[in-house]
Amino acid sequence: MKKILIITTLLLLLPVWARSQDGLHSQAVFDGKIIPKDRLIETLVTGDHLKEYNLDLFHSVRLEVDEAEYQSIAALVQEDAKNAISKEMDIVHGHLSYALLVFPSKDPDKRFLGFNAGYKSGQDNEADRTVSVTIVYLEGNTTVTDLKKNFSVK
């Protein structure tokens, strides 16, 4: 019975999660359209666990990709940046390595997209390098300053 309740709750929330990232080019990454879902490490958190961060939704995917896949994902994030009302981006040697984007919203809650990418160390051959990518979508009544404070790596 407990299993049925959990599945039903997840199915009811599915439209909310899908709608929340509407209009973002990077939605394709979360949907598994760029990299198959079985290669993604996905984290989805809602509810009381996020209240202390003034967030309502935390949705992230982590993945290891080759150079071509990385370029596809980075291009989607850069397209999203065109619609951001606020953005911080870091491009290193022509490669997007970091982005924090804030999007307009009709709700009082704000919409955020974070991106972080880095080459795995010890790989000299550029064609064979693996890129570690993390993309995070957040919704909530918070600020960029608070996000950085709460989620910075120490």
N, C-alpha and C. Protein backbone atom coordinates (compact mmCIF):
# COMPACT_ATOMS: atom_id res chain seq x y z
N MET A 1 0.82 -1.19 0.00
CA MET A 1 0.00 0.00 0.00
C MET A 1 0.87 1.26 0.00
N LYS A 2 1.94 1.23 0.80
CA LYS A 2 2.83 2.38 0.88
C LYS A 2 3.48 2.65 -0.49
N LYS A 3 3.85 1.60 -1.18
CA LYS A 3 4.47 1.73 -2.49
C LYS A 3 3.50 2.39 -3.48
N ILE A 4 2.24 2.01 -3.44
CA ILE A 4 1.23 2.59 -4.33
C ILE A 4 1.05 4.08 -4.04
N LEU A 5 1.05 4.44 -2.76
CA LEU A 5 0.91 5.84 -2.37
C LEU A 5 2.09 6.67 -2.88
N ILE A 6 3.28 6.15 -2.76
CA ILE A 6 4.48 6.86 -3.23
C ILE A 6 4.43 7.03 -4.74
N ILE A 7 4.10 5.99 -5.46
CA ILE A 7 4.04 6.06 -6.92
C ILE A 7 2.97 7.05 -7.36
N THR A 8 1.82 7.01 -6.72
CA THR A 8 0.74 7.94 -7.05
C THR A 8 1.17 9.38 -6.81
N THR A 9 1.82 9.64 -5.69
CA THR A 9 2.29 10.98 -5.38
C THR A 9 3.29 11.46 -6.42
N LEU A 10 4.22 10.60 -6.80
CA LEU A 10 5.22 10.97 -7.81
C LEU A 10 4.56 11.26 -9.15
N LEU A 11 3.58 10.47 -9.53
CA LEU A 11 2.89 10.70 -10.79
C LEU A 11 2.11 12.01 -10.77
N LEU A 12 1.54 12.36 -9.63
CA LEU A 12 0.81 13.62 -9.52
C LEU A 12 1.76 14.82 -9.59
N LEU A 13 2.97 14.67 -9.09
CA LEU A 13 3.94 15.76 -9.10
C LEU A 13 4.69 15.89 -10.42
N LEU A 14 4.65 14.85 -11.25
CA LEU A 14 5.38 14.86 -12.51
C LEU A 14 5.06 16.06 -13.38
N PRO A 15 3.78 16.43 -13.57
CA PRO A 15 3.50 17.63 -14.38
C PRO A 15 4.09 18.91 -13.78
N VAL A 16 4.17 19.01 -12.47
CA VAL A 16 4.75 20.19 -11.83
C VAL A 16 6.23 20.29 -12.16
N TRP A 17 6.95 19.17 -12.05
CA TRP A 17 8.38 19.18 -12.35
C TRP A 17 8.62 19.50 -13.82
N ALA A 18 7.84 18.91 -14.69
CA ALA A 18 8.02 19.13 -16.12
C ALA A 18 7.71 20.59 -16.48
N ARG A 19 6.66 21.16 -15.90
CA ARG A 19 6.25 22.52 -16.20
C ARG A 19 7.24 23.53 -15.65
N SER A 20 7.89 23.21 -14.55
CA SER A 20 8.74 24.18 -13.88
C SER A 20 9.91 24.64 -14.75
N GLN A 21 10.42 23.79 -15.60
CA GLN A 21 11.55 24.15 -16.44
C GLN A 21 11.11 24.52 -17.86
N ASP A 22 9.81 24.71 -18.06
CA ASP A 22 9.29 25.10 -19.36
C ASP A 22 10.02 26.32 -19.88
N GLY A 23 10.26 26.32 -21.16
CA GLY A 23 10.88 27.47 -21.79
C GLY A 23 12.39 27.48 -21.74
N LEU A 24 13.00 26.54 -21.05
CA LEU A 24 14.46 26.49 -20.99
C LEU A 24 14.98 25.50 -22.04
N HIS A 25 15.99 25.92 -22.76
CA HIS A 25 16.61 25.02 -23.73
C HIS A 25 17.25 23.82 -23.03
N SER A 26 17.80 24.06 -21.85
CA SER A 26 18.48 23.00 -21.10
C SER A 26 17.51 21.95 -20.55
N GLN A 27 16.22 22.18 -20.66
CA GLN A 27 15.22 21.17 -20.26
C GLN A 27 15.52 19.84 -20.96
N ALA A 28 16.03 19.92 -22.17
CA ALA A 28 16.33 18.71 -22.94
C ALA A 28 17.34 17.81 -22.22
N VAL A 29 18.25 18.41 -21.47
CA VAL A 29 19.22 17.62 -20.71
C VAL A 29 18.51 16.86 -19.59
N PHE A 30 17.65 17.57 -18.85
CA PHE A 30 16.90 16.95 -17.75
C PHE A 30 15.98 15.84 -18.26
N ASP A 31 15.46 16.02 -19.48
CA ASP A 31 14.53 15.05 -20.06
C ASP A 31 15.24 13.84 -20.68
N GLY A 32 16.57 13.86 -20.73
CA GLY A 32 17.31 12.75 -21.31
C GLY A 32 17.35 12.77 -22.83
N LYS A 33 17.09 13.94 -23.44
CA LYS A 33 17.09 14.04 -24.90
C LYS A 33 18.48 14.26 -25.48
N ILE A 34 19.41 14.72 -24.67
CA ILE A 34 20.78 14.94 -25.13
C ILE A 34 21.65 13.75 -24.74
N ILE A 35 21.57 13.36 -23.50
CA ILE A 35 22.28 12.20 -22.96
C ILE A 35 21.21 11.26 -22.41
N PRO A 36 21.29 9.97 -22.73
CA PRO A 36 20.25 9.04 -22.23
C PRO A 36 20.14 9.09 -20.71
N LYS A 37 18.91 8.96 -20.23
CA LYS A 37 18.62 9.04 -18.79
C LYS A 37 19.45 8.06 -17.97
N ASP A 38 19.79 6.91 -18.53
CA ASP A 38 20.54 5.93 -17.75
C ASP A 38 21.98 6.37 -17.49
N ARG A 39 22.43 7.44 -18.14
CA ARG A 39 23.77 7.98 -17.88
C ARG A 39 23.74 9.18 -16.94
N LEU A 40 22.55 9.61 -16.54
CA LEU A 40 22.41 10.77 -15.66
C LEU A 40 22.30 10.33 -14.21
N ILE A 41 22.88 11.12 -13.33
CA ILE A 41 22.64 10.96 -11.91
C ILE A 41 21.73 12.13 -11.55
N GLU A 42 20.48 11.82 -11.28
CA GLU A 42 19.47 12.85 -11.10
C GLU A 42 19.07 12.96 -9.63
N THR A 43 18.92 14.19 -9.18
CA THR A 43 18.45 14.45 -7.82
C THR A 43 17.28 15.42 -7.91
N LEU A 44 16.19 15.06 -7.26
CA LEU A 44 15.00 15.90 -7.25
C LEU A 44 14.51 16.02 -5.81
N VAL A 45 14.46 17.24 -5.31
CA VAL A 45 14.03 17.47 -3.93
C VAL A 45 12.96 18.56 -3.93
N THR A 46 11.87 18.30 -3.21
CA THR A 46 10.82 19.29 -3.00
C THR A 46 10.39 19.23 -1.54
N GLY A 47 9.60 20.18 -1.14
CA GLY A 47 8.99 20.10 0.19
C GLY A 47 9.81 20.72 1.30
N ASP A 48 9.53 20.24 2.52
CA ASP A 48 10.10 20.83 3.74
C ASP A 48 11.63 20.76 3.81
N HIS A 49 12.24 19.83 3.09
CA HIS A 49 13.70 19.71 3.12
C HIS A 49 14.39 20.97 2.61
N LEU A 50 13.66 21.77 1.82
CA LEU A 50 14.26 22.95 1.20
C LEU A 50 13.89 24.26 1.88
N LYS A 51 13.00 24.22 2.83
CA LYS A 51 12.50 25.45 3.46
C LYS A 51 13.61 26.31 4.05
N GLU A 52 14.61 25.68 4.67
CA GLU A 52 15.69 26.46 5.29
C GLU A 52 16.52 27.22 4.25
N TYR A 53 16.41 26.81 2.98
CA TYR A 53 17.13 27.48 1.89
C TYR A 53 16.21 28.43 1.11
N ASN A 54 14.95 28.57 1.55
CA ASN A 54 13.95 29.37 0.85
C ASN A 54 13.74 28.88 -0.58
N LEU A 55 13.76 27.57 -0.75
CA LEU A 55 13.54 26.96 -2.05
C LEU A 55 12.33 26.05 -2.01
N ASP A 56 11.71 25.88 -3.17
CA ASP A 56 10.59 24.96 -3.31
C ASP A 56 10.96 23.75 -4.16
N LEU A 57 11.97 23.92 -5.02
CA LEU A 57 12.35 22.85 -5.94
C LEU A 57 13.86 22.87 -6.16
N PHE A 58 14.47 21.70 -6.09
CA PHE A 58 15.89 21.49 -6.41
C PHE A 58 15.93 20.30 -7.35
N HIS A 59 16.37 20.52 -8.59
CA HIS A 59 16.44 19.44 -9.57
C HIS A 59 17.80 19.50 -10.24
N SER A 60 18.59 18.46 -10.08
CA SER A 60 19.93 18.47 -10.66
C SER A 60 20.20 17.19 -11.44
N VAL A 61 21.11 17.32 -12.39
CA VAL A 61 21.64 16.15 -13.09
C VAL A 61 23.15 16.30 -13.15
N ARG A 62 23.81 15.18 -12.90
CA ARG A 62 25.28 15.10 -13.03
C ARG A 62 25.57 14.05 -14.07
N LEU A 63 26.60 14.30 -14.89
CA LEU A 63 26.93 13.34 -15.93
C LEU A 63 28.36 13.51 -16.39
N GLU A 64 28.87 12.46 -16.94
CA GLU A 64 30.20 12.46 -17.55
C GLU A 64 29.98 12.36 -19.05
N VAL A 65 30.58 13.30 -19.79
CA VAL A 65 30.34 13.36 -21.22
C VAL A 65 31.64 13.53 -22.00
N ASP A 66 31.58 13.25 -23.29
CA ASP A 66 32.73 13.52 -24.13
C ASP A 66 32.65 14.98 -24.61
N GLU A 67 33.64 15.41 -25.37
CA GLU A 67 33.73 16.80 -25.78
C GLU A 67 32.52 17.24 -26.61
N ALA A 68 32.07 16.42 -27.55
CA ALA A 68 30.93 16.79 -28.40
C ALA A 68 29.65 16.91 -27.58
N GLU A 69 29.45 16.00 -26.65
CA GLU A 69 28.25 16.07 -25.79
C GLU A 69 28.31 17.31 -24.90
N TYR A 70 29.49 17.59 -24.37
CA TYR A 70 29.67 18.79 -23.56
C TYR A 70 29.30 20.04 -24.36
N GLN A 71 29.80 20.12 -25.59
CA GLN A 71 29.53 21.28 -26.43
C GLN A 71 28.03 21.47 -26.66
N SER A 72 27.30 20.37 -26.85
CA SER A 72 25.85 20.44 -27.05
C SER A 72 25.15 20.99 -25.80
N ILE A 73 25.56 20.49 -24.64
CA ILE A 73 24.94 20.93 -23.38
C ILE A 73 25.28 22.39 -23.08
N ALA A 74 26.55 22.75 -23.26
CA ALA A 74 26.98 24.13 -23.00
C ALA A 74 26.25 25.10 -23.93
N ALA A 75 26.00 24.70 -25.17
CA ALA A 75 25.28 25.56 -26.11
C ALA A 75 23.85 25.81 -25.64
N LEU A 76 23.21 24.79 -25.07
CA LEU A 76 21.85 24.95 -24.55
C LEU A 76 21.82 25.94 -23.37
N VAL A 77 22.80 25.82 -22.48
CA VAL A 77 22.88 26.73 -21.34
C VAL A 77 23.13 28.16 -21.82
N GLN A 78 23.98 28.31 -22.81
CA GLN A 78 24.26 29.65 -23.33
C GLN A 78 23.03 30.23 -24.04
N GLU A 79 22.22 29.39 -24.66
CA GLU A 79 20.95 29.87 -25.23
C GLU A 79 20.02 30.34 -24.11
N ASP A 80 19.96 29.57 -23.02
CA ASP A 80 19.14 29.97 -21.88
C ASP A 80 19.61 31.31 -21.31
N ALA A 81 20.90 31.54 -21.34
CA ALA A 81 21.45 32.78 -20.77
C ALA A 81 20.92 34.01 -21.50
N LYS A 82 20.54 33.86 -22.74
CA LYS A 82 20.00 35.00 -23.51
C LYS A 82 18.69 35.51 -22.92
N ASN A 83 17.96 34.64 -22.23
CA ASN A 83 16.67 35.02 -21.65
C ASN A 83 16.76 35.32 -20.16
N ALA A 84 17.93 35.23 -19.59
CA ALA A 84 18.11 35.45 -18.16
C ALA A 84 18.02 36.94 -17.84
N ILE A 85 17.45 37.25 -16.68
CA ILE A 85 17.41 38.65 -16.24
C ILE A 85 18.66 39.02 -15.46
N SER A 86 19.39 38.00 -15.03
CA SER A 86 20.66 38.18 -14.35
C SER A 86 21.51 36.95 -14.66
N LYS A 87 22.80 37.16 -14.87
CA LYS A 87 23.65 36.01 -15.17
C LYS A 87 25.09 36.27 -14.77
N GLU A 88 25.72 35.19 -14.35
CA GLU A 88 27.15 35.15 -14.10
C GLU A 88 27.66 33.97 -14.89
N MET A 89 28.67 34.19 -15.71
CA MET A 89 29.21 33.10 -16.52
C MET A 89 30.72 33.19 -16.52
N ASP A 90 31.35 32.03 -16.56
CA ASP A 90 32.80 31.97 -16.62
C ASP A 90 33.18 31.07 -17.78
N ILE A 91 33.91 31.64 -18.72
CA ILE A 91 34.36 30.89 -19.89
C ILE A 91 35.88 30.80 -19.81
N VAL A 92 36.40 29.57 -19.79
CA VAL A 92 37.83 29.32 -19.67
C VAL A 92 38.32 28.65 -20.95
N HIS A 93 39.28 29.27 -21.60
CA HIS A 93 39.84 28.74 -22.85
C HIS A 93 38.74 28.40 -23.86
N GLY A 94 37.74 29.29 -23.95
CA GLY A 94 36.67 29.10 -24.92
C GLY A 94 35.60 28.10 -24.51
N HIS A 95 35.68 27.57 -23.28
CA HIS A 95 34.71 26.58 -22.81
C HIS A 95 33.93 27.15 -21.61
N LEU A 96 32.62 27.01 -21.66
CA LEU A 96 31.79 27.42 -20.53
C LEU A 96 32.09 26.50 -19.35
N SER A 97 32.53 27.09 -18.24
CA SER A 97 32.84 26.25 -17.08
C SER A 97 31.86 26.50 -15.93
N TYR A 98 31.21 27.67 -15.92
CA TYR A 98 30.32 28.00 -14.81
C TYR A 98 29.26 28.97 -15.32
N ALA A 99 28.04 28.80 -14.83
CA ALA A 99 26.98 29.77 -15.09
C ALA A 99 25.99 29.73 -13.94
N LEU A 100 25.50 30.90 -13.59
CA LEU A 100 24.40 31.02 -12.64
C LEU A 100 23.43 32.03 -13.25
N LEU A 101 22.26 31.54 -13.64
CA LEU A 101 21.29 32.33 -14.37
C LEU A 101 20.02 32.51 -13.55
N VAL A 102 19.42 33.69 -13.65
CA VAL A 102 18.14 33.97 -12.99
C VAL A 102 17.15 34.32 -14.10
N PHE A 103 15.98 33.69 -14.06
CA PHE A 103 14.98 33.88 -15.10
C PHE A 103 13.76 34.62 -14.57
N PRO A 104 13.08 35.33 -15.48
CA PRO A 104 11.85 35.99 -15.06
C PRO A 104 10.79 34.95 -14.71
N SER A 105 9.92 35.32 -13.79
CA SER A 105 8.86 34.41 -13.36
C SER A 105 7.62 35.22 -13.03
N LYS A 106 6.46 34.65 -13.31
CA LYS A 106 5.19 35.30 -12.96
C LYS A 106 4.89 35.12 -11.48
N ASP A 107 5.45 34.08 -10.89
CA ASP A 107 5.24 33.80 -9.47
C ASP A 107 6.19 34.66 -8.64
N PRO A 108 5.92 34.78 -7.34
CA PRO A 108 6.89 35.47 -6.49
C PRO A 108 8.21 34.71 -6.41
N ASP A 109 8.14 33.39 -6.63
CA ASP A 109 9.37 32.60 -6.60
C ASP A 109 10.21 32.90 -7.84
N LYS A 110 11.50 32.84 -7.66
CA LYS A 110 12.43 33.05 -8.76
C LYS A 110 12.85 31.69 -9.32
N ARG A 111 13.33 31.71 -10.55
CA ARG A 111 13.80 30.50 -11.23
C ARG A 111 15.29 30.68 -11.51
N PHE A 112 16.08 29.64 -11.19
CA PHE A 112 17.53 29.70 -11.32
C PHE A 112 18.03 28.48 -12.10
N LEU A 113 19.13 28.67 -12.81
CA LEU A 113 19.81 27.55 -13.45
C LEU A 113 21.29 27.69 -13.15
N GLY A 114 21.86 26.63 -12.61
CA GLY A 114 23.29 26.60 -12.35
C GLY A 114 23.96 25.58 -13.25
N PHE A 115 25.16 25.86 -13.66
CA PHE A 115 25.92 24.97 -14.55
C PHE A 115 27.36 24.97 -14.08
N ASN A 116 27.96 23.79 -14.03
CA ASN A 116 29.37 23.66 -13.69
C ASN A 116 29.95 22.53 -14.53
N ALA A 117 31.09 22.79 -15.14
CA ALA A 117 31.74 21.76 -15.97
C ALA A 117 33.24 21.83 -15.78
N GLY A 118 33.86 20.68 -15.79
CA GLY A 118 35.30 20.64 -15.69
C GLY A 118 35.85 19.35 -16.25
N TYR A 119 37.02 19.46 -16.85
CA TYR A 119 37.67 18.27 -17.40
C TYR A 119 38.20 17.42 -16.27
N LYS A 120 38.07 16.13 -16.42
CA LYS A 120 38.63 15.22 -15.42
C LYS A 120 40.14 15.29 -15.55
N SER A 121 40.82 15.29 -14.42
CA SER A 121 42.27 15.44 -14.43
C SER A 121 42.96 14.19 -14.97
N GLY A 122 44.17 14.38 -15.44
CA GLY A 122 44.98 13.27 -15.92
C GLY A 122 44.67 12.83 -17.33
N GLN A 123 43.95 13.65 -18.08
CA GLN A 123 43.63 13.30 -19.46
C GLN A 123 44.31 14.29 -20.38
N ASP A 124 45.36 13.82 -21.08
CA ASP A 124 46.14 14.72 -21.93
C ASP A 124 45.59 14.85 -23.33
N ASN A 125 45.06 13.78 -23.88
CA ASN A 125 44.55 13.80 -25.24
C ASN A 125 43.18 14.49 -25.27
N GLU A 126 43.12 15.66 -25.89
CA GLU A 126 41.89 16.45 -25.88
C GLU A 126 40.71 15.69 -26.46
N ALA A 127 40.92 14.90 -27.48
CA ALA A 127 39.83 14.18 -28.13
C ALA A 127 39.21 13.12 -27.21
N ASP A 128 40.00 12.60 -26.28
CA ASP A 128 39.52 11.54 -25.39
C ASP A 128 39.11 12.03 -24.01
N ARG A 129 39.19 13.33 -23.79
CA ARG A 129 38.90 13.86 -22.45
C ARG A 129 37.43 13.70 -22.08
N THR A 130 37.21 13.47 -20.80
CA THR A 130 35.87 13.39 -20.25
C THR A 130 35.59 14.66 -19.48
N VAL A 131 34.39 15.17 -19.65
CA VAL A 131 33.97 16.39 -18.96
C VAL A 131 32.91 16.01 -17.93
N SER A 132 33.11 16.47 -16.72
CA SER A 132 32.12 16.27 -15.66
C SER A 132 31.21 17.49 -15.65
N VAL A 133 29.90 17.27 -15.83
CA VAL A 133 28.93 18.36 -15.93
C VAL A 133 27.86 18.21 -14.86
N THR A 134 27.51 19.31 -14.22
CA THR A 134 26.38 19.36 -13.30
C THR A 134 25.49 20.52 -13.70
N ILE A 135 24.20 20.25 -13.82
CA ILE A 135 23.22 21.30 -14.10
C ILE A 135 22.17 21.22 -13.00
N VAL A 136 21.85 22.39 -12.43
CA VAL A 136 20.88 22.45 -11.33
C VAL A 136 19.82 23.49 -11.67
N TYR A 137 18.56 23.08 -11.55
CA TYR A 137 17.44 24.00 -11.71
C TYR A 137 16.81 24.19 -10.33
N LEU A 138 16.58 25.45 -9.94
CA LEU A 138 16.04 25.77 -8.62
C LEU A 138 14.87 26.73 -8.75
N GLU A 139 13.92 26.60 -7.86
CA GLU A 139 12.83 27.57 -7.74
C GLU A 139 12.67 27.93 -6.28
N GLY A 140 12.46 29.22 -6.02
CA GLY A 140 12.22 29.63 -4.66
C GLY A 140 12.34 31.12 -4.47
N ASN A 141 12.02 31.55 -3.28
CA ASN A 141 12.08 32.95 -2.93
C ASN A 141 13.41 33.22 -2.23
N THR A 142 14.47 33.17 -3.00
CA THR A 142 15.82 33.35 -2.46
C THR A 142 16.59 34.31 -3.36
N THR A 143 17.83 34.53 -3.04
CA THR A 143 18.68 35.43 -3.83
C THR A 143 19.91 34.68 -4.31
N VAL A 144 20.58 35.25 -5.29
CA VAL A 144 21.82 34.66 -5.78
C VAL A 144 22.86 34.61 -4.66
N THR A 145 22.92 35.66 -3.84
CA THR A 145 23.86 35.70 -2.73
C THR A 145 23.61 34.54 -1.76
N ASP A 146 22.33 34.32 -1.43
CA ASP A 146 22.01 33.21 -0.52
C ASP A 146 22.30 31.86 -1.15
N LEU A 147 22.05 31.71 -2.45
CA LEU A 147 22.37 30.45 -3.12
C LEU A 147 23.85 30.16 -3.04
N LYS A 148 24.66 31.17 -3.31
CA LYS A 148 26.11 30.99 -3.26
C LYS A 148 26.56 30.62 -1.85
N LYS A 149 25.98 31.28 -0.87
CA LYS A 149 26.35 31.02 0.53
C LYS A 149 25.95 29.59 0.92
N ASN A 150 24.75 29.17 0.55
CA ASN A 150 24.23 27.87 0.96
C ASN A 150 24.82 26.70 0.19
N PHE A 151 25.25 26.93 -1.04
CA PHE A 151 25.67 25.80 -1.86
C PHE A 151 27.12 25.89 -2.31
N SER A 152 27.89 26.78 -1.71
CA SER A 152 29.30 26.86 -2.09
C SER A 152 30.05 25.67 -1.55
N VAL A 153 31.04 25.26 -2.31
CA VAL A 153 31.88 24.14 -1.89
C VAL A 153 33.00 24.72 -1.05
N LYS A 154 33.14 24.21 0.15
CA LYS A 154 34.17 24.74 1.06
C LYS A 154 35.45 23.95 0.91
